[in-house]
Amino acid sequence: MEKLLAHRSPRLAVRAVLLDDTGRLLLVNAWPGADCDLWCAPGGGVDPGGSLPDNLVREMREETGLAIEVGSPCLINEFHDPESGFHQVEIFFRCTLAAPADIGDWTDPEGVVTRRRWVSSAEIGALRVKPSSLPRLAFETGFGYDPLEHIVR
């Protein structure tokens, strides 16, 4: 098993740090049936042949129905599941809305995102959010790196 894990490449993903015009952050829950209370920034896996920003625009349209403009990277996060060997590296980008935002009636066609919500800096403290540095980076400036952590359920 160790040899198999040593040759498996990490999955690359992109995520959006998106604030609306009132300063609230968009979060999603991607657990079927709302079985988990963990929230994260929207985004997903990178398809080869497309730039990281192009992949993020696609993922945001799929998961939220929103059109975005992708700005600068602000966070690199990585996590893994030691049991399965799954290892993901995520690059977070500061984004802005390219069109008015309405997430109310959108349904993710792939069924990955089950819930989404806008949260203020005051509200995010009551939620379980990963990575743990996301709230700080979303509502402040700067760049961050979260080293390898175990996957959370």
Protein backbone atom coordinates (compact mmCIF):
# COMPACT_ATOMS: atom_id res chain seq x y z
CA MET A 1 0.00 0.00 0.00
CA GLU A 2 2.83 2.46 0.80
CA LYS A 3 4.29 2.12 -2.70
CA LEU A 4 0.89 2.76 -4.27
CA LEU A 5 0.37 5.92 -2.19
CA ALA A 6 3.87 7.21 -2.95
CA HIS A 7 3.11 7.24 -6.71
CA ARG A 8 -0.34 8.78 -6.55
CA SER A 9 -0.38 12.45 -7.56
CA PRO A 10 -2.27 15.00 -5.49
CA ARG A 11 -5.51 16.32 -6.96
CA LEU A 12 -5.38 20.01 -7.86
CA ALA A 13 -8.42 22.18 -7.09
CA VAL A 14 -9.35 25.87 -7.26
CA ARG A 15 -11.66 27.78 -4.92
CA ALA A 16 -13.23 31.24 -4.90
CA VAL A 17 -13.04 33.74 -2.08
CA LEU A 18 -16.07 35.73 -3.17
CA LEU A 19 -17.55 38.64 -1.24
CA ASP A 20 -20.83 40.25 -2.27
CA ASP A 21 -21.41 44.02 -2.32
CA THR A 22 -22.32 43.96 1.38
CA GLY A 23 -19.08 42.20 2.36
CA ARG A 24 -20.51 38.71 2.94
CA LEU A 25 -18.55 35.60 1.92
CA LEU A 26 -20.10 32.84 -0.20
CA LEU A 27 -19.81 29.38 1.36
CA VAL A 28 -21.03 25.99 0.14
CA ASN A 29 -21.77 22.63 1.69
CA ALA A 30 -20.99 19.69 -0.56
CA TRP A 31 -22.24 16.79 1.52
CA PRO A 32 -25.17 14.73 0.21
CA GLY A 33 -28.31 15.05 2.25
CA ALA A 34 -26.78 17.80 4.41
CA ASP A 35 -25.15 15.05 6.51
CA CYS A 36 -22.24 17.28 7.51
CA ASP A 37 -22.05 20.76 8.97
CA LEU A 38 -18.73 21.60 7.26
CA TRP A 39 -18.68 24.68 4.98
CA CYS A 40 -16.04 25.68 2.44
CA ALA A 41 -15.42 28.09 -0.40
CA PRO A 42 -16.97 27.05 -3.74
CA GLY A 43 -14.80 25.52 -6.43
CA GLY A 44 -13.50 22.16 -7.48
CA GLY A 45 -11.09 20.02 -9.42
CA VAL A 46 -8.97 21.34 -12.24
CA ASP A 47 -9.39 19.85 -15.72
CA PRO A 48 -6.15 19.58 -17.72
CA GLY A 49 -5.71 22.00 -20.60
CA GLY A 50 -7.47 24.94 -18.97
CA SER A 51 -5.96 27.70 -16.86
CA LEU A 52 -6.65 27.78 -13.15
CA PRO A 53 -8.88 30.89 -13.52
CA ASP A 54 -10.81 29.28 -16.41
CA ASN A 55 -11.39 26.17 -14.30
CA LEU A 56 -12.62 28.31 -11.40
CA VAL A 57 -15.06 30.22 -13.63
CA ARG A 58 -16.44 26.86 -14.82
CA GLU A 59 -16.72 25.41 -11.32
CA MET A 60 -18.47 28.51 -10.00
CA ARG A 61 -21.00 28.43 -12.82
CA GLU A 62 -21.66 24.70 -12.19
CA GLU A 63 -21.90 24.90 -8.38
CA THR A 64 -23.58 28.27 -7.90
CA GLY A 65 -24.78 29.61 -11.26
CA LEU A 66 -22.72 32.74 -10.66
CA ALA A 67 -20.50 34.53 -13.18
CA ILE A 68 -17.23 35.68 -11.63
CA GLU A 69 -14.02 37.47 -12.45
CA VAL A 70 -10.95 35.80 -10.99
CA GLY A 71 -8.34 37.93 -9.25
CA SER A 72 -5.15 37.14 -7.38
CA PRO A 73 -4.37 33.96 -5.44
CA CYS A 74 -4.69 34.43 -1.67
CA LEU A 75 -4.32 30.98 -0.11
CA ILE A 76 -2.83 27.57 -0.75
CA ASN A 77 -4.32 24.75 1.28
CA GLU A 78 -3.65 21.04 1.25
CA PHE A 79 -5.30 18.12 2.96
CA HIS A 80 -5.22 14.36 2.79
CA ASP A 81 -6.96 11.23 3.94
CA PRO A 82 -4.28 8.80 5.19
CA GLU A 83 -6.60 5.81 4.87
CA SER A 84 -7.40 6.24 1.18
CA GLY A 85 -4.30 8.17 0.15
CA PHE A 86 -6.41 11.03 -1.21
CA HIS A 87 -4.36 14.25 -1.21
CA GLN A 88 -5.66 17.57 -2.54
CA VAL A 89 -3.90 20.88 -3.08
CA GLU A 90 -6.25 23.86 -3.37
CA ILE A 91 -5.47 27.32 -4.68
CA PHE A 92 -7.88 30.02 -3.50
CA PHE A 93 -8.39 33.16 -5.60
CA ARG A 94 -9.99 36.45 -4.64
CA CYS A 95 -12.96 36.86 -6.96
CA THR A 96 -15.62 39.42 -7.79
CA LEU A 97 -19.10 39.04 -9.20
CA ALA A 98 -19.34 39.67 -12.94
CA ALA A 99 -23.15 39.92 -12.81
CA PRO A 100 -25.85 40.32 -10.15
CA ALA A 101 -25.88 37.44 -7.68
CA ASP A 102 -28.88 35.25 -6.95
CA ILE A 103 -28.10 31.87 -5.41
CA GLY A 104 -31.63 31.20 -4.18
CA ASP A 105 -33.06 28.97 -6.91
CA TRP A 106 -29.86 27.45 -8.31
CA THR A 107 -29.43 23.68 -8.26
CA ASP A 108 -26.03 22.14 -8.90
CA PRO A 109 -26.63 19.91 -11.97
CA GLU A 110 -24.10 17.37 -10.66
CA GLY A 111 -25.63 17.39 -7.19
CA VAL A 112 -22.30 18.08 -5.49
CA VAL A 113 -23.24 21.31 -3.70
CA THR A 114 -26.32 20.78 -1.55
CA ARG A 115 -26.44 24.16 0.22
CA ARG A 116 -24.94 27.60 -0.22
CA ARG A 117 -25.10 30.79 1.78
CA TRP A 118 -23.64 34.26 2.18
CA VAL A 119 -22.09 34.90 5.62
CA SER A 120 -20.74 37.99 7.34
CA SER A 121 -17.50 38.12 9.29
CA ALA A 122 -19.60 37.98 12.48
CA GLU A 123 -21.64 34.94 11.33
CA ILE A 124 -18.73 32.81 10.12
CA GLY A 125 -17.45 32.30 13.67
CA ALA A 126 -20.48 30.14 14.48
CA LEU A 127 -19.83 27.79 11.54
CA ARG A 128 -17.42 24.90 11.04
CA VAL A 129 -15.32 26.08 8.08
CA LYS A 130 -12.29 24.56 6.35
CA PRO A 131 -9.60 25.53 5.88
CA SER A 132 -9.41 27.21 9.26
CA SER A 133 -7.57 30.23 7.80
CA LEU A 134 -10.39 31.00 5.32
CA PRO A 135 -12.33 33.42 7.56
CA ARG A 136 -9.23 35.49 8.30
CA LEU A 137 -8.12 35.66 4.68
CA ALA A 138 -11.62 36.30 3.34
CA PHE A 139 -12.22 39.38 5.45
CA GLU A 140 -8.65 40.73 5.52
CA THR A 141 -5.82 41.11 3.03
CA GLY A 142 -2.72 39.03 2.60
CA PHE A 143 -1.70 35.56 1.49
CA GLY A 144 -1.73 32.31 3.42
CA TYR A 145 -0.60 28.71 3.35
CA ASP A 146 -2.26 25.93 5.33
CA PRO A 147 0.06 22.92 5.52
CA LEU A 148 -1.11 19.38 5.11
CA GLU A 149 -4.00 18.49 7.41
CA HIS A 150 -6.18 15.41 7.72
CA ILE A 151 -9.44 15.44 5.84
CA VAL A 152 -12.40 16.38 8.04
CA ARG A 153 -15.90 14.92 7.90
